[in-house]
């Protein structure tokens, strides 16, 4: 099965639709989301509606929790909190209820999907995990591959069957996944990359071939930037896309 995994769409409809078109072109068998469908961007309702229309499985992100659990707003800096509060006003009650019901994690085949870190954290960042903590957390799950988002960056921890751990950088292209080994994969962001390359990013895990493909997708960034500014969302949200 070729599983396409997307994360951190953040209300960026232009990036989301461009990536979904690329997923179709790449021939994925299934597509799933790692949360943060909303927040920062100008089209949260349209992104939720599209996700629901396509029936794409998703886990809850910290931004969904910030919208649906008022106490969680204290987690966010002032700019992110203002974005969330504005996004809440753009969402229908039906969409808010759907977001509130998203699961903390999903298991699809040999993969565990969670927004932040295994086994079930929507708030912990991949870059916060040292070697010992990655080994401990991966020891709490049965799945050989765990896919996370949240950091808006790419990265991978490889846990060989022989023991130990190596942290690897990820870039555009295909990497080999050994069937005997385990992997913690940070998939990058669709709607707001933070790795110095403003193209949208996602991954495809191919269980049969034993590969991980990282794909970069161009989209109409200026259209998203213009909408952010027109709607009065924080200018920082627009500037970060450029």
Protein backbone atom coordinates (compact mmCIF):
# COMPACT_ATOMS: atom_id res chain seq x y z
CA UNK A 1 0.00 0.00 0.00
CA UNK A 2 1.22 3.48 -0.89
CA UNK A 3 0.17 5.73 1.98
CA UNK A 4 0.36 9.51 1.47
CA UNK A 5 0.71 11.39 4.77
CA UNK A 6 0.06 15.14 5.01
CA UNK A 7 0.44 17.39 8.02
CA UNK A 8 -0.07 20.99 9.12
CA UNK A 9 -2.36 22.26 6.37
CA UNK A 10 -3.26 25.27 8.53
CA UNK A 11 -6.13 26.60 6.46
CA UNK A 12 -3.96 26.96 3.36
CA UNK A 13 -6.37 25.80 0.67
CA UNK A 14 -4.03 26.56 -2.24
CA UNK A 15 -1.29 24.37 -0.79
CA UNK A 16 -3.77 21.65 0.21
CA UNK A 17 -5.40 21.33 -3.22
CA UNK A 18 -2.01 21.38 -4.97
CA UNK A 19 -0.74 18.58 -2.74
CA UNK A 20 -3.89 16.51 -3.22
CA UNK A 21 -3.47 16.84 -6.99
CA UNK A 22 0.14 15.67 -6.61
CA UNK A 23 -1.01 12.73 -4.46
CA UNK A 24 -3.32 11.65 -7.30
CA UNK A 25 -0.50 11.97 -9.81
CA UNK A 26 1.84 9.97 -7.57
CA UNK A 27 -0.68 7.13 -7.37
CA UNK A 28 -1.14 6.80 -3.62
CA UNK A 29 -3.64 4.18 -2.45
CA UNK A 30 -4.65 6.06 0.69
CA UNK A 31 -4.20 9.55 2.10
CA UNK A 32 -4.21 10.50 5.79
CA UNK A 33 -3.64 13.68 7.77
CA UNK A 34 -1.54 14.33 10.88
CA UNK A 35 -3.64 17.20 12.22
CA UNK A 36 -3.53 20.99 12.28
CA UNK A 37 -5.93 21.29 9.37
CA UNK A 38 -6.77 24.73 10.77
CA UNK A 39 -4.94 27.68 12.32
CA UNK A 40 -2.84 30.48 10.76
CA UNK A 41 -4.41 30.34 7.28
CA UNK A 42 -7.39 32.01 5.60
CA UNK A 43 -9.51 28.98 4.60
CA UNK A 44 -10.08 26.74 7.63
CA UNK A 45 -13.70 25.94 6.77
CA UNK A 46 -12.91 25.02 3.17
CA UNK A 47 -10.02 22.79 4.27
CA UNK A 48 -12.20 20.97 6.80
CA UNK A 49 -15.02 20.59 4.27
CA UNK A 50 -12.62 19.16 1.67
CA UNK A 51 -11.15 16.72 4.18
CA UNK A 52 -14.60 15.50 5.14
CA UNK A 53 -15.82 15.35 1.55
CA UNK A 54 -12.87 13.14 0.59
CA UNK A 55 -13.24 11.02 3.73
CA UNK A 56 -9.58 11.41 4.69
CA UNK A 57 -8.68 10.00 8.10
CA UNK A 58 -7.01 12.51 10.41
CA UNK A 59 -5.68 12.80 13.93
CA UNK A 60 -6.12 15.82 16.16
CA UNK A 61 -3.44 18.50 16.18
CA UNK A 62 -2.62 21.03 18.86
CA UNK A 63 -4.44 23.73 16.87
CA UNK A 64 -7.63 21.67 16.79
CA UNK A 65 -7.34 21.26 20.55
CA UNK A 66 -6.81 25.00 20.90
CA UNK A 67 -10.08 25.62 19.09
CA UNK A 68 -12.19 22.99 20.78
CA UNK A 69 -10.81 23.09 24.35
CA UNK A 70 -10.67 26.67 25.59
CA UNK A 71 -8.07 25.89 28.26
CA UNK A 72 -5.69 24.77 25.50
CA UNK A 73 -5.48 28.34 24.16
CA UNK A 74 -2.98 29.06 26.95
CA UNK A 75 -0.47 26.84 25.12
CA UNK A 76 -0.08 29.33 22.26
CA UNK A 77 1.91 32.52 21.80
CA UNK A 78 -0.14 35.71 21.23
CA UNK A 79 0.08 35.60 17.41
CA UNK A 80 -0.96 31.95 17.19
CA UNK A 81 -3.72 32.51 19.76
CA UNK A 82 -5.12 35.45 17.80
CA UNK A 83 -5.06 33.32 14.64
CA UNK A 84 -6.94 30.54 16.39
CA UNK A 85 -9.58 32.89 17.73
CA UNK A 86 -10.10 34.37 14.27
CA UNK A 87 -10.20 30.89 12.71
CA UNK A 88 -12.89 29.85 15.19
CA UNK A 89 -15.13 32.60 13.87
CA UNK A 90 -14.64 31.29 10.31
CA UNK A 91 -15.68 27.72 11.16
CA UNK A 92 -19.20 26.35 11.24
CA UNK A 93 -20.47 24.64 14.37
CA UNK A 94 -20.58 21.39 12.44
CA UNK A 95 -16.89 21.70 11.55
CA UNK A 96 -15.92 22.57 15.12
CA UNK A 97 -17.74 19.48 16.40
CA UNK A 98 -16.02 17.32 13.77
CA UNK A 99 -12.61 18.67 14.77
CA UNK A 100 -13.36 18.06 18.45
CA UNK A 101 -14.06 14.38 17.70
CA UNK A 102 -10.77 13.64 15.93
CA UNK A 103 -8.72 10.82 17.51
CA UNK A 104 -5.35 11.35 19.19
CA UNK A 105 -3.68 8.74 16.98
CA UNK A 106 -4.46 6.34 14.14
CA UNK A 107 -2.97 3.01 13.08
CA UNK A 108 -2.96 2.35 9.34
CA UNK A 109 -1.25 -0.88 8.39
CA UNK A 110 2.26 -0.84 9.86
CA UNK A 111 2.12 2.90 10.59
CA UNK A 112 1.13 4.89 13.64
CA UNK A 113 0.01 8.45 12.95
CA UNK A 114 0.14 11.09 15.70
CA UNK A 115 0.52 14.85 15.47
CA UNK A 116 3.49 15.42 17.77
CA UNK A 117 5.27 12.35 19.12
CA UNK A 118 4.59 8.69 19.91
CA UNK A 119 2.69 7.18 21.44
CA UNK A 120 -0.06 9.82 21.58
CA UNK A 121 1.18 13.38 22.10
CA UNK A 122 -0.24 16.23 20.01
CA UNK A 123 2.07 18.79 21.65
CA UNK A 124 5.58 17.31 21.85
CA UNK A 125 7.93 18.33 19.02
CA UNK A 126 10.20 15.88 17.24
CA UNK A 127 13.19 18.22 17.76
CA UNK A 128 12.59 18.14 21.54
CA UNK A 129 13.25 14.40 21.68
CA UNK A 130 16.76 13.27 22.54
CA UNK A 131 18.07 9.82 21.72
CA UNK A 132 16.90 8.20 24.95
CA UNK A 133 13.43 9.71 24.68
CA UNK A 134 12.96 8.50 21.10
CA UNK A 135 13.99 4.99 22.10
CA UNK A 136 11.65 5.09 25.09
CA UNK A 137 8.67 6.38 23.14
CA UNK A 138 9.14 4.02 20.20
CA UNK A 139 9.33 1.20 22.74
CA UNK A 140 5.77 2.03 23.78
CA UNK A 141 4.28 1.24 20.37
CA UNK A 142 4.06 -1.90 18.27
CA UNK A 143 4.12 -0.30 14.82
CA UNK A 144 7.51 -0.22 13.03
CA UNK A 145 6.84 3.22 11.50
CA UNK A 146 5.52 6.27 13.34
CA UNK A 147 4.74 9.42 11.36
CA UNK A 148 4.52 12.82 13.05
CA UNK A 149 4.11 16.48 12.06
CA UNK A 150 3.86 19.54 14.33
CA UNK A 151 7.41 20.89 13.80
CA UNK A 152 6.77 21.91 10.15
CA UNK A 153 10.14 20.39 9.28
CA UNK A 154 11.46 17.14 7.84
CA UNK A 155 13.53 14.59 9.71
CA UNK A 156 13.83 10.90 10.54
CA UNK A 157 15.10 8.72 13.36
CA UNK A 158 16.23 5.25 12.28
CA UNK A 159 16.19 2.47 14.86
CA UNK A 160 18.10 -0.54 13.46
CA UNK A 161 17.04 -4.02 14.55
CA UNK A 162 20.57 -4.50 15.88
CA UNK A 163 20.02 -1.66 18.35
CA UNK A 164 20.88 2.00 18.66
CA UNK A 165 19.55 5.03 16.81
CA UNK A 166 20.66 7.41 14.09
CA UNK A 167 19.03 10.74 13.24
CA UNK A 168 18.86 11.49 9.53
CA UNK A 169 18.01 14.57 7.53
CA UNK A 170 15.33 14.23 4.90
CA UNK A 171 15.00 16.00 1.57
CA UNK A 172 13.16 15.59 -1.66
CA UNK A 173 13.41 12.06 -3.04
CA UNK A 174 13.23 8.41 -2.01
CA UNK A 175 14.78 6.69 1.01
CA UNK A 176 14.89 2.96 1.74
CA UNK A 177 13.04 1.58 4.76
CA UNK A 178 14.39 -1.74 5.96
CA UNK A 179 11.60 -4.16 6.95
CA UNK A 180 13.51 -5.29 10.04
CA UNK A 181 14.04 -1.76 11.39
CA UNK A 182 11.88 0.94 12.97
CA UNK A 183 11.43 4.58 12.02
CA UNK A 184 10.13 7.84 13.48
CA UNK A 185 9.43 10.18 10.57
CA UNK A 186 8.72 13.92 10.74
CA UNK A 187 6.84 14.61 7.49
CA UNK A 188 7.12 18.39 7.08
CA UNK A 189 4.24 20.79 6.45
CA UNK A 190 1.75 21.35 3.65
CA UNK A 191 0.48 24.77 4.65
CA UNK A 192 3.36 26.50 6.43
CA UNK A 193 6.83 24.99 5.89
CA UNK A 194 9.56 26.20 8.25
CA UNK A 195 12.62 24.59 6.67
CA UNK A 196 13.72 27.41 4.39
CA UNK A 197 11.92 26.05 1.30
CA UNK A 198 8.43 27.47 0.82
CA UNK A 199 7.07 24.58 -1.24
CA UNK A 200 4.46 22.35 0.37
CA UNK A 201 5.77 18.99 1.55
CA UNK A 202 4.39 15.55 2.30
CA UNK A 203 5.52 11.92 2.23
CA UNK A 204 4.47 8.63 0.72
CA UNK A 205 5.24 5.40 2.57
CA UNK A 206 5.28 2.37 0.26
CA UNK A 207 4.98 -0.76 2.37
CA UNK A 208 5.44 -3.18 -0.52
CA UNK A 209 8.55 -1.50 -1.92
CA UNK A 210 9.93 -0.53 1.49
CA UNK A 211 10.42 3.13 0.61
CA UNK A 212 9.76 6.60 1.92
CA UNK A 213 9.29 9.32 -0.69
CA UNK A 214 9.39 13.01 0.25
CA UNK A 215 7.60 15.18 -2.27
CA UNK A 216 7.81 18.97 -2.69
CA UNK A 217 4.89 20.76 -4.34
CA UNK A 218 4.68 24.29 -5.72
CA UNK A 219 1.47 26.24 -5.21
CA UNK A 220 0.10 29.77 -5.54
CA UNK A 221 1.65 31.25 -2.40
CA UNK A 222 0.71 34.82 -3.27
CA UNK A 223 -2.98 33.93 -3.43
CA UNK A 224 -2.82 32.62 0.15
CA UNK A 225 -0.78 35.62 1.32
CA UNK A 226 -3.29 38.04 -0.21
CA UNK A 227 -6.22 36.32 1.51
CA UNK A 228 -4.47 36.32 4.90
CA UNK A 229 -3.92 40.08 4.67
CA UNK A 230 -7.39 40.80 3.31
CA UNK A 231 -9.01 38.93 6.20
CA UNK A 232 -6.94 40.75 8.81
CA UNK A 233 -5.10 37.70 10.09
CA UNK A 234 -1.64 38.43 11.55
CA UNK A 235 0.83 39.66 8.92
CA UNK A 236 3.36 37.21 10.36
CA UNK A 237 1.25 34.35 9.00
CA UNK A 238 1.58 35.77 5.49
CA UNK A 239 5.26 36.69 5.77
CA UNK A 240 6.18 33.20 6.93
CA UNK A 241 4.96 31.69 3.65
CA UNK A 242 7.18 33.82 1.43
